[in-house]
């Protein structure tokens, strides 16, 4: 199988990769060229059908990251690592016979890398360094090198940005580009290929869907046709208002990740529940879909994966809740408190995302979307077993009793 990869890069980088294309088996590269890395986001919008996207560095990727996160295919970039830094420094020190590395200026996304390299080889002095920020204008990077050269503080500049290289040459500043080692480029592209293959294999796996319509049973043909067309499959009736669908995980992900709130509302004139299950077999996927339906509220979608992760509810949220506990510490907490793995996972997710360490029962209730009684029952179990404690009170209104402030005593990032 040939994997088609879109390469977003400068013309110079494209020429470099083209010399090693023969060593990349089962890979077809299509190049999208920019003059400045800020143009990377617009190039992503122009992509023709491909299996993955590869960026020539972290800088163009940063500019395109937001749009890449909405793509149905994986994206990856060439990391500027110790090998690139060491190769570039060795090349310039040997060729230009510099007396000290302090004669050099460098712009980097991660300056700490060069500190690591020089520390490992016993260098005390360092080049003049500029950390590249995504919001930084190219002229700021150019000015950094040019000013140091004009002040005779450097004799050579090293840049990670092709556009900066061209501008410094016009200003007669001795400059070299950061060297991207052949081995690093090959590894980056092969890693991108493997990401594409993994995405394809996951996308082709079986998925079972259940749809439950809660409206008038006399005429549901319009709603059924819309759902059938949307998921490109046939609906089979299993109960009065319940239907089953057979499809792939790729079909499911394509739909739930692309539809807006308004588009979901327009799908059905009657209330509906939609649930999907993934699994290693049809039986596993079917059971997971049935279980997902139990968690699903009106006009929303939930998914249970083969690893027993509950994803959703779409379109309002895209949380991932663990329904199965393997971590020994969490198993112990679940047994002692008699909390289900799902509720325990939700509490941990709440702890990771809540803006403050302290919280009220109301804060947790809103996050869990359950009743106050259920929330207080969960908190009581945690407090009784010293996995949470009351640390204060909050009074944000003039009348009534103050709210207790809680703090968890659980390893949040297990």
Protein backbone atom coordinates (compact mmCIF):
# COMPACT_ATOMS: atom_id res chain seq x y z
CA UNK A 1 0.00 0.00 0.00
CA UNK A 2 1.36 3.42 -0.99
CA UNK A 3 0.91 6.15 1.59
CA UNK A 4 0.44 9.67 0.21
CA UNK A 5 2.00 12.34 2.42
CA UNK A 6 1.62 16.10 1.93
CA UNK A 7 4.91 17.86 2.75
CA UNK A 8 4.56 21.51 3.77
CA UNK A 9 7.95 23.19 3.51
CA UNK A 10 10.23 25.70 1.81
CA UNK A 11 11.53 25.07 -1.72
CA UNK A 12 15.01 24.41 -0.31
CA UNK A 13 13.71 21.71 2.03
CA UNK A 14 11.74 20.14 -0.82
CA UNK A 15 14.90 19.91 -2.93
CA UNK A 16 16.68 18.25 0.01
CA UNK A 17 13.95 15.63 0.46
CA UNK A 18 13.72 14.90 -3.27
CA UNK A 19 17.32 13.64 -3.20
CA UNK A 20 16.36 10.88 -0.75
CA UNK A 21 12.88 9.98 -2.05
CA UNK A 22 14.23 6.74 -3.55
CA UNK A 23 14.98 5.52 -0.01
CA UNK A 24 11.35 5.96 1.11
CA UNK A 25 9.55 2.81 0.05
CA UNK A 26 5.75 2.80 -0.43
CA UNK A 27 5.58 6.55 0.14
CA UNK A 28 4.41 9.20 -2.33
CA UNK A 29 5.25 12.80 -1.40
CA UNK A 30 3.33 15.86 -2.62
CA UNK A 31 4.98 19.21 -1.88
CA UNK A 32 3.22 22.39 -0.80
CA UNK A 33 5.73 25.24 -0.73
CA UNK A 34 5.73 28.43 1.34
CA UNK A 35 7.93 31.50 1.23
CA UNK A 36 7.42 32.15 4.94
CA UNK A 37 6.29 29.62 7.57
CA UNK A 38 3.23 31.76 8.44
CA UNK A 39 1.75 30.59 5.12
CA UNK A 40 1.57 26.97 6.33
CA UNK A 41 -2.01 27.29 7.63
CA UNK A 42 -3.28 28.45 4.23
CA UNK A 43 -1.44 25.59 2.51
CA UNK A 44 -3.22 23.08 4.76
CA UNK A 45 -6.52 24.45 3.45
CA UNK A 46 -5.34 23.68 -0.10
CA UNK A 47 -4.44 20.02 0.53
CA UNK A 48 -5.54 17.51 -2.07
CA UNK A 49 -6.51 13.96 -0.94
CA UNK A 50 -3.68 12.47 1.12
CA UNK A 51 -3.12 10.14 4.08
CA UNK A 52 -1.03 12.41 6.35
CA UNK A 53 0.70 15.79 6.57
CA UNK A 54 4.40 16.33 7.30
CA UNK A 55 5.86 19.75 8.16
CA UNK A 56 9.52 20.63 7.63
CA UNK A 57 9.81 21.89 11.21
CA UNK A 58 8.00 22.95 14.34
CA UNK A 59 7.66 26.59 13.22
CA UNK A 60 5.33 25.99 10.22
CA UNK A 61 3.52 23.34 12.26
CA UNK A 62 2.83 25.83 15.08
CA UNK A 63 1.21 28.23 12.61
CA UNK A 64 -0.97 25.44 11.21
CA UNK A 65 -1.59 23.51 14.43
CA UNK A 66 -5.14 24.72 15.03
CA UNK A 67 -6.40 23.74 11.60
CA UNK A 68 -4.43 20.45 11.71
CA UNK A 69 -6.33 19.42 14.84
CA UNK A 70 -9.54 19.46 12.82
CA UNK A 71 -8.14 17.27 10.02
CA UNK A 72 -9.34 13.65 9.76
CA UNK A 73 -5.75 12.56 9.00
CA UNK A 74 -2.63 12.65 11.22
CA UNK A 75 -0.02 15.41 11.06
CA UNK A 76 3.62 15.37 12.15
CA UNK A 77 6.68 17.60 11.92
CA UNK A 78 10.46 17.30 11.75
CA UNK A 79 11.83 17.81 15.24
CA UNK A 80 14.91 20.00 15.62
CA UNK A 81 16.91 17.73 17.87
CA UNK A 82 20.44 17.32 19.23
CA UNK A 83 21.55 15.64 16.00
CA UNK A 84 20.61 18.70 13.91
CA UNK A 85 22.33 21.07 16.33
CA UNK A 86 25.51 18.97 16.61
CA UNK A 87 25.76 18.44 12.84
CA UNK A 88 25.34 22.17 12.13
CA UNK A 89 27.87 23.28 14.76
CA UNK A 90 30.42 20.68 13.69
CA UNK A 91 30.05 21.73 10.06
CA UNK A 92 30.46 25.45 10.71
CA UNK A 93 33.33 25.07 13.20
CA UNK A 94 35.26 22.88 10.78
CA UNK A 95 34.56 24.84 7.61
CA UNK A 96 34.95 28.38 8.96
CA UNK A 97 37.64 27.62 11.54
CA UNK A 98 35.97 29.77 14.18
CA UNK A 99 38.09 30.51 17.23
CA UNK A 100 35.10 30.44 19.58
CA UNK A 101 31.47 29.49 19.39
CA UNK A 102 30.59 32.89 20.84
CA UNK A 103 31.20 34.31 17.35
CA UNK A 104 27.94 32.65 16.26
CA UNK A 105 24.29 33.73 16.60
CA UNK A 106 21.48 31.18 16.40
CA UNK A 107 17.69 31.25 16.35
CA UNK A 108 15.92 28.18 17.76
CA UNK A 109 12.48 27.08 18.84
CA UNK A 110 13.98 25.20 21.81
CA UNK A 111 17.27 26.89 22.92
CA UNK A 112 17.61 24.38 25.73
CA UNK A 113 18.67 21.79 23.14
CA UNK A 114 21.94 23.57 22.40
CA UNK A 115 22.64 23.95 26.12
CA UNK A 116 22.26 20.16 26.42
CA UNK A 117 24.58 19.51 23.46
CA UNK A 118 27.34 21.87 24.62
CA UNK A 119 27.13 20.63 28.19
CA UNK A 120 27.52 17.02 27.00
CA UNK A 121 30.74 17.84 25.08
CA UNK A 122 32.18 20.06 27.81
CA UNK A 123 31.77 23.52 26.20
CA UNK A 124 31.49 26.42 28.64
CA UNK A 125 30.72 29.23 26.15
CA UNK A 126 27.53 29.38 24.10
CA UNK A 127 26.41 31.19 20.93
CA UNK A 128 24.18 34.27 20.96
CA UNK A 129 20.72 32.68 21.13
CA UNK A 130 17.23 33.81 20.14
CA UNK A 131 14.17 31.77 21.10
CA UNK A 132 11.68 31.84 18.22
CA UNK A 133 8.13 32.59 19.33
CA UNK A 134 5.14 31.78 17.05
CA UNK A 135 3.95 35.39 17.38
CA UNK A 136 7.35 36.75 16.35
CA UNK A 137 7.65 38.59 13.05
CA UNK A 138 10.37 37.46 10.62
CA UNK A 139 11.86 40.95 10.73
CA UNK A 140 12.54 40.52 14.47
CA UNK A 141 14.63 37.41 13.79
CA UNK A 142 16.44 39.13 10.93
CA UNK A 143 17.12 42.19 13.13
CA UNK A 144 18.56 40.00 15.90
CA UNK A 145 21.26 38.53 13.64
CA UNK A 146 21.88 41.68 11.59
CA UNK A 147 22.38 43.93 14.62
CA UNK A 148 24.86 41.54 16.24
CA UNK A 149 26.81 41.37 12.98
CA UNK A 150 26.83 45.16 12.56
CA UNK A 151 28.10 45.53 16.12
CA UNK A 152 30.86 43.02 15.29
CA UNK A 153 29.69 40.70 18.08
CA UNK A 154 29.39 37.76 15.68
CA UNK A 155 31.03 36.63 12.47
CA UNK A 156 28.42 34.03 11.45
CA UNK A 157 24.65 33.50 11.85
CA UNK A 158 22.77 30.19 11.92
CA UNK A 159 19.04 30.28 11.24
CA UNK A 160 16.22 27.74 11.35
CA UNK A 161 14.05 29.77 8.95
CA UNK A 162 14.63 29.75 5.19
CA UNK A 163 13.09 33.22 4.72
CA UNK A 164 15.49 34.64 7.33
CA UNK A 165 18.42 33.00 5.53
CA UNK A 166 17.51 34.69 2.24
CA UNK A 167 17.06 38.11 3.89
CA UNK A 168 20.37 37.93 5.76
CA UNK A 169 22.18 37.02 2.56
CA UNK A 170 20.79 40.19 0.95
CA UNK A 171 22.10 42.16 3.94
CA UNK A 172 25.54 40.57 3.39
CA UNK A 173 25.49 38.81 6.75
CA UNK A 174 27.44 35.51 6.61
CA UNK A 175 24.69 32.99 7.34
CA UNK A 176 24.07 29.26 7.14
CA UNK A 177 20.88 27.26 7.45
CA UNK A 178 20.38 24.77 10.23
CA UNK A 179 21.27 21.37 8.78
CA UNK A 180 18.50 18.78 8.78
CA UNK A 181 20.35 15.44 8.89
CA UNK A 182 19.29 12.90 6.31
CA UNK A 183 18.61 10.32 9.02
CA UNK A 184 16.28 12.73 10.87
CA UNK A 185 14.30 13.53 7.72
CA UNK A 186 13.88 9.85 6.84
CA UNK A 187 12.82 9.03 10.38
CA UNK A 188 10.31 11.90 10.44
CA UNK A 189 8.69 10.84 7.17
CA UNK A 190 8.59 7.15 8.14
CA UNK A 191 7.03 8.09 11.49
CA UNK A 192 4.39 10.03 9.55
CA UNK A 193 3.77 7.00 7.34
CA UNK A 194 3.31 4.78 10.39
CA UNK A 195 0.86 7.27 11.89
CA UNK A 196 -1.14 7.14 8.64
CA UNK A 197 -1.15 3.33 8.60
CA UNK A 198 -2.32 3.22 12.21
CA UNK A 199 -5.10 5.72 11.46
CA UNK A 200 -6.21 3.66 8.46
CA UNK A 201 -6.28 0.42 10.45
CA UNK A 202 -8.30 2.05 13.24
CA UNK A 203 -10.66 3.67 10.75
CA UNK A 204 -11.45 0.33 9.06
CA UNK A 205 -12.45 -1.46 12.27
CA UNK A 206 -16.04 -2.47 12.84
CA UNK A 207 -18.44 -0.15 14.67
CA UNK A 208 -22.00 -0.81 15.78
CA UNK A 209 -24.50 2.01 16.24
CA UNK A 210 -27.82 2.18 18.05
CA UNK A 211 -30.33 4.94 17.42
CA UNK A 212 -33.39 5.43 19.56
CA UNK A 213 -36.16 7.77 18.39
CA UNK A 214 -38.52 8.96 21.12
CA UNK A 215 -41.15 10.65 19.00
CA UNK A 216 -44.25 9.53 17.11
CA UNK A 217 -43.81 5.97 15.84
CA UNK A 218 -46.23 6.45 12.91
CA UNK A 219 -43.86 8.29 10.57
CA UNK A 220 -40.15 8.21 11.26
CA UNK A 221 -39.11 7.70 7.65
CA UNK A 222 -37.65 11.20 7.25
CA UNK A 223 -35.43 10.87 10.34
CA UNK A 224 -34.36 7.35 9.43
CA UNK A 225 -33.39 8.43 5.92
CA UNK A 226 -31.31 11.34 7.26
CA UNK A 227 -29.37 9.11 9.68
CA UNK A 228 -28.95 6.40 7.06
CA UNK A 229 -27.57 8.91 4.54
CA UNK A 230 -25.34 10.59 7.11
CA UNK A 231 -23.63 7.35 8.19
CA UNK A 232 -23.79 5.74 4.74
CA UNK A 233 -25.44 2.58 6.02
CA UNK A 234 -28.80 0.84 6.37
CA UNK A 235 -30.82 0.97 9.59
CA UNK A 236 -32.29 -2.29 10.87
CA UNK A 237 -35.17 -2.15 13.34
CA UNK A 238 -34.58 -4.14 16.53
CA UNK A 239 -37.35 -2.68 18.72
CA UNK A 240 -40.29 -0.36 18.27
CA UNK A 241 -38.26 2.86 18.31
CA UNK A 242 -34.74 1.39 18.23
CA UNK A 243 -32.55 0.69 15.20
CA UNK A 244 -29.08 -0.77 14.69
CA UNK A 245 -26.39 0.28 12.17
CA UNK A 246 -23.27 -1.52 10.95
CA UNK A 247 -20.35 0.66 9.82
CA UNK A 248 -16.65 1.40 10.39
CA UNK A 249 -15.02 3.49 13.06
CA UNK A 250 -13.86 5.87 10.34
CA UNK A 251 -17.48 6.59 9.37
CA UNK A 252 -18.39 7.30 12.98
CA UNK A 253 -15.42 9.59 13.66
CA UNK A 254 -16.02 11.45 10.41
CA UNK A 255 -19.55 12.36 11.42
CA UNK A 256 -19.27 13.05 15.15
CA UNK A 257 -16.17 15.21 14.73
CA UNK A 258 -17.51 17.30 11.88
CA UNK A 259 -21.13 18.19 12.66
CA UNK A 260 -21.90 21.42 14.51
CA UNK A 261 -24.56 21.83 17.20
CA UNK A 262 -26.95 23.33 14.67
CA UNK A 263 -26.42 20.49 12.20
CA UNK A 264 -27.18 17.94 14.93
CA UNK A 265 -30.42 19.77 15.76
CA UNK A 266 -31.51 19.65 12.13
CA UNK A 267 -31.06 15.89 11.89
CA UNK A 268 -34.29 14.96 13.58
CA UNK A 269 -37.60 16.63 14.36
CA UNK A 270 -38.09 14.17 17.23
CA UNK A 271 -35.82 13.56 20.24
CA UNK A 272 -33.17 10.90 19.64
CA UNK A 273 -30.35 9.04 21.35
CA UNK A 274 -27.36 7.81 19.36
CA UNK A 275 -24.67 5.44 20.67
CA UNK A 276 -21.75 3.57 19.11
CA UNK A 277 -19.58 0.70 20.19
CA UNK A 278 -16.14 -0.36 18.97
CA UNK A 279 -14.71 -3.79 19.57
CA UNK A 280 -12.44 -6.58 18.38
CA UNK A 281 -15.51 -8.54 17.31
CA UNK A 282 -19.10 -7.74 16.31
CA UNK A 283 -20.26 -9.14 19.65
CA UNK A 284 -17.93 -6.84 21.63
CA UNK A 285 -18.86 -3.80 19.53
CA UNK A 286 -22.59 -4.54 19.91
CA UNK A 287 -22.35 -4.84 23.69
CA UNK A 288 -20.33 -1.62 23.89
CA UNK A 289 -22.97 0.17 21.78
CA UNK A 290 -25.74 -1.06 24.10
CA UNK A 291 -23.76 0.11 27.13
CA UNK A 292 -23.09 3.49 25.50
CA UNK A 293 -26.83 3.93 24.95
CA UNK A 294 -27.40 3.65 28.71
CA UNK A 295 -25.13 6.66 29.25
CA UNK A 296 -26.68 8.71 26.45
CA UNK A 297 -29.07 11.57 27.09
CA UNK A 298 -31.57 13.09 24.68
CA UNK A 299 -30.20 14.54 21.41
CA UNK A 300 -26.62 13.50 22.08
CA UNK A 301 -24.11 10.83 21.09
CA UNK A 302 -21.81 8.61 23.12
CA UNK A 303 -19.14 6.10 22.08
CA UNK A 304 -17.59 3.24 24.02
CA UNK A 305 -14.28 2.08 22.54
CA UNK A 306 -12.78 -1.39 22.62
CA UNK A 307 -10.62 -0.21 25.54
CA UNK A 308 -13.78 0.63 27.50
CA UNK A 309 -13.40 4.39 27.20
CA UNK A 310 -16.61 6.39 27.14
CA UNK A 311 -16.25 9.29 24.68
CA UNK A 312 -18.76 12.12 24.50
CA UNK A 313 -21.38 13.33 24.84
CA UNK A 314 -21.23 14.81 21.36
CA UNK A 315 -21.77 17.48 20.15
CA UNK A 316 -21.63 19.35 23.47
CA UNK A 317 -18.47 17.79 24.91
CA UNK A 318 -15.74 15.36 23.92
CA UNK A 319 -14.58 13.89 27.21
CA UNK A 320 -12.95 10.49 27.59
CA UNK A 321 -14.04 8.56 30.67
CA UNK A 322 -12.42 5.27 31.71
CA UNK A 323 -15.06 2.61 32.37
CA UNK A 324 -12.45 0.04 33.33
CA UNK A 325 -9.87 0.52 36.07
CA UNK A 326 -6.47 -1.22 35.81
CA UNK A 327 -4.17 1.09 37.77
CA UNK A 328 -3.65 -0.61 41.18
CA UNK A 329 -4.09 2.63 43.12
CA UNK A 330 -7.39 3.37 41.38
CA UNK A 331 -8.57 -0.22 41.86
CA UNK A 332 -7.93 0.20 45.58
CA UNK A 333 -9.84 3.51 45.69
CA UNK A 334 -12.76 2.05 43.71
CA UNK A 335 -13.02 -0.94 46.06
CA UNK A 336 -12.80 1.08 49.26
CA UNK A 337 -15.30 3.75 48.18
CA UNK A 338 -17.57 1.45 46.12
CA UNK A 339 -17.46 4.05 43.34
CA UNK A 340 -17.79 2.79 39.78
CA UNK A 341 -14.75 3.18 37.47
CA UNK A 342 -16.80 5.61 35.38
CA UNK A 343 -17.59 7.90 38.32
CA UNK A 344 -14.03 7.70 39.62
CA UNK A 345 -12.67 8.55 36.17
CA UNK A 346 -15.05 11.52 35.94
CA UNK A 347 -13.90 12.83 39.33
CA UNK A 348 -10.26 12.62 38.21
CA UNK A 349 -11.07 14.37 34.94
CA UNK A 350 -12.87 17.09 36.90
CA UNK A 351 -9.79 17.53 39.11
CA UNK A 352 -7.50 17.91 36.08
CA UNK A 353 -9.70 20.50 34.37
CA UNK A 354 -11.15 22.51 37.27
CA UNK A 355 -9.42 25.92 37.47
CA UNK A 356 -8.93 25.73 41.25
CA UNK A 357 -7.77 22.99 43.63
CA UNK A 358 -10.71 23.67 45.98
CA UNK A 359 -14.26 23.11 44.73
CA UNK A 360 -17.87 22.95 45.90
CA UNK A 361 -20.43 20.20 45.48
CA UNK A 362 -22.14 22.48 42.96
CA UNK A 363 -18.94 22.68 40.86
CA UNK A 364 -18.73 18.88 40.74
CA UNK A 365 -22.48 18.53 40.10
CA UNK A 366 -22.29 20.78 37.04
CA UNK A 367 -19.33 18.85 35.66
CA UNK A 368 -20.81 15.39 36.25
CA UNK A 369 -24.27 16.51 35.06
CA UNK A 370 -25.96 14.43 37.76
CA UNK A 371 -28.31 15.30 40.62
CA UNK A 372 -27.17 17.06 43.79
CA UNK A 373 -27.98 13.93 45.78
CA UNK A 374 -25.73 11.77 43.57
CA UNK A 375 -22.92 14.32 43.81
CA UNK A 376 -23.16 14.52 47.60
CA UNK A 377 -23.17 10.72 47.82
CA UNK A 378 -19.93 10.56 45.78
CA UNK A 379 -18.31 13.24 47.93
CA UNK A 380 -19.39 11.53 51.16
CA UNK A 381 -17.74 8.27 50.05
CA UNK A 382 -14.53 10.11 49.19
CA UNK A 383 -14.49 12.07 52.48
CA UNK A 384 -15.32 8.98 54.58
CA UNK A 385 -12.25 7.19 53.17
CA UNK A 386 -9.95 10.25 53.34
CA UNK A 387 -9.77 10.63 49.54
CA UNK A 388 -11.26 14.13 49.93
CA UNK A 389 -11.59 16.58 52.80
CA UNK A 390 -13.50 19.73 53.64
CA UNK A 391 -11.04 22.63 53.70
CA UNK A 392 -13.35 25.63 54.13
CA UNK A 393 -16.63 27.29 53.29
CA UNK A 394 -17.87 29.59 50.54
CA UNK A 395 -20.65 32.19 50.93
CA UNK A 396 -21.46 33.89 47.63
CA UNK A 397 -25.00 34.93 48.61
CA UNK A 398 -26.63 36.72 51.56
CA UNK A 399 -29.04 34.05 52.79
CA UNK A 400 -28.90 30.31 53.37
CA UNK A 401 -26.13 28.01 54.49
CA UNK A 402 -22.58 28.41 53.21
CA UNK A 403 -21.22 25.83 50.77
CA UNK A 404 -18.45 23.49 51.87
CA UNK A 405 -15.16 23.69 50.00
CA UNK A 406 -13.60 20.34 49.17
CA UNK A 407 -10.10 19.25 48.17
CA UNK A 408 -9.25 15.86 46.67
CA UNK A 409 -6.58 13.62 48.13
CA UNK A 410 -6.18 11.34 45.10
CA UNK A 411 -3.22 11.01 42.66
CA UNK A 412 -4.89 13.10 39.93
CA UNK A 413 -2.56 12.29 37.02
CA UNK A 414 -2.50 8.47 37.28
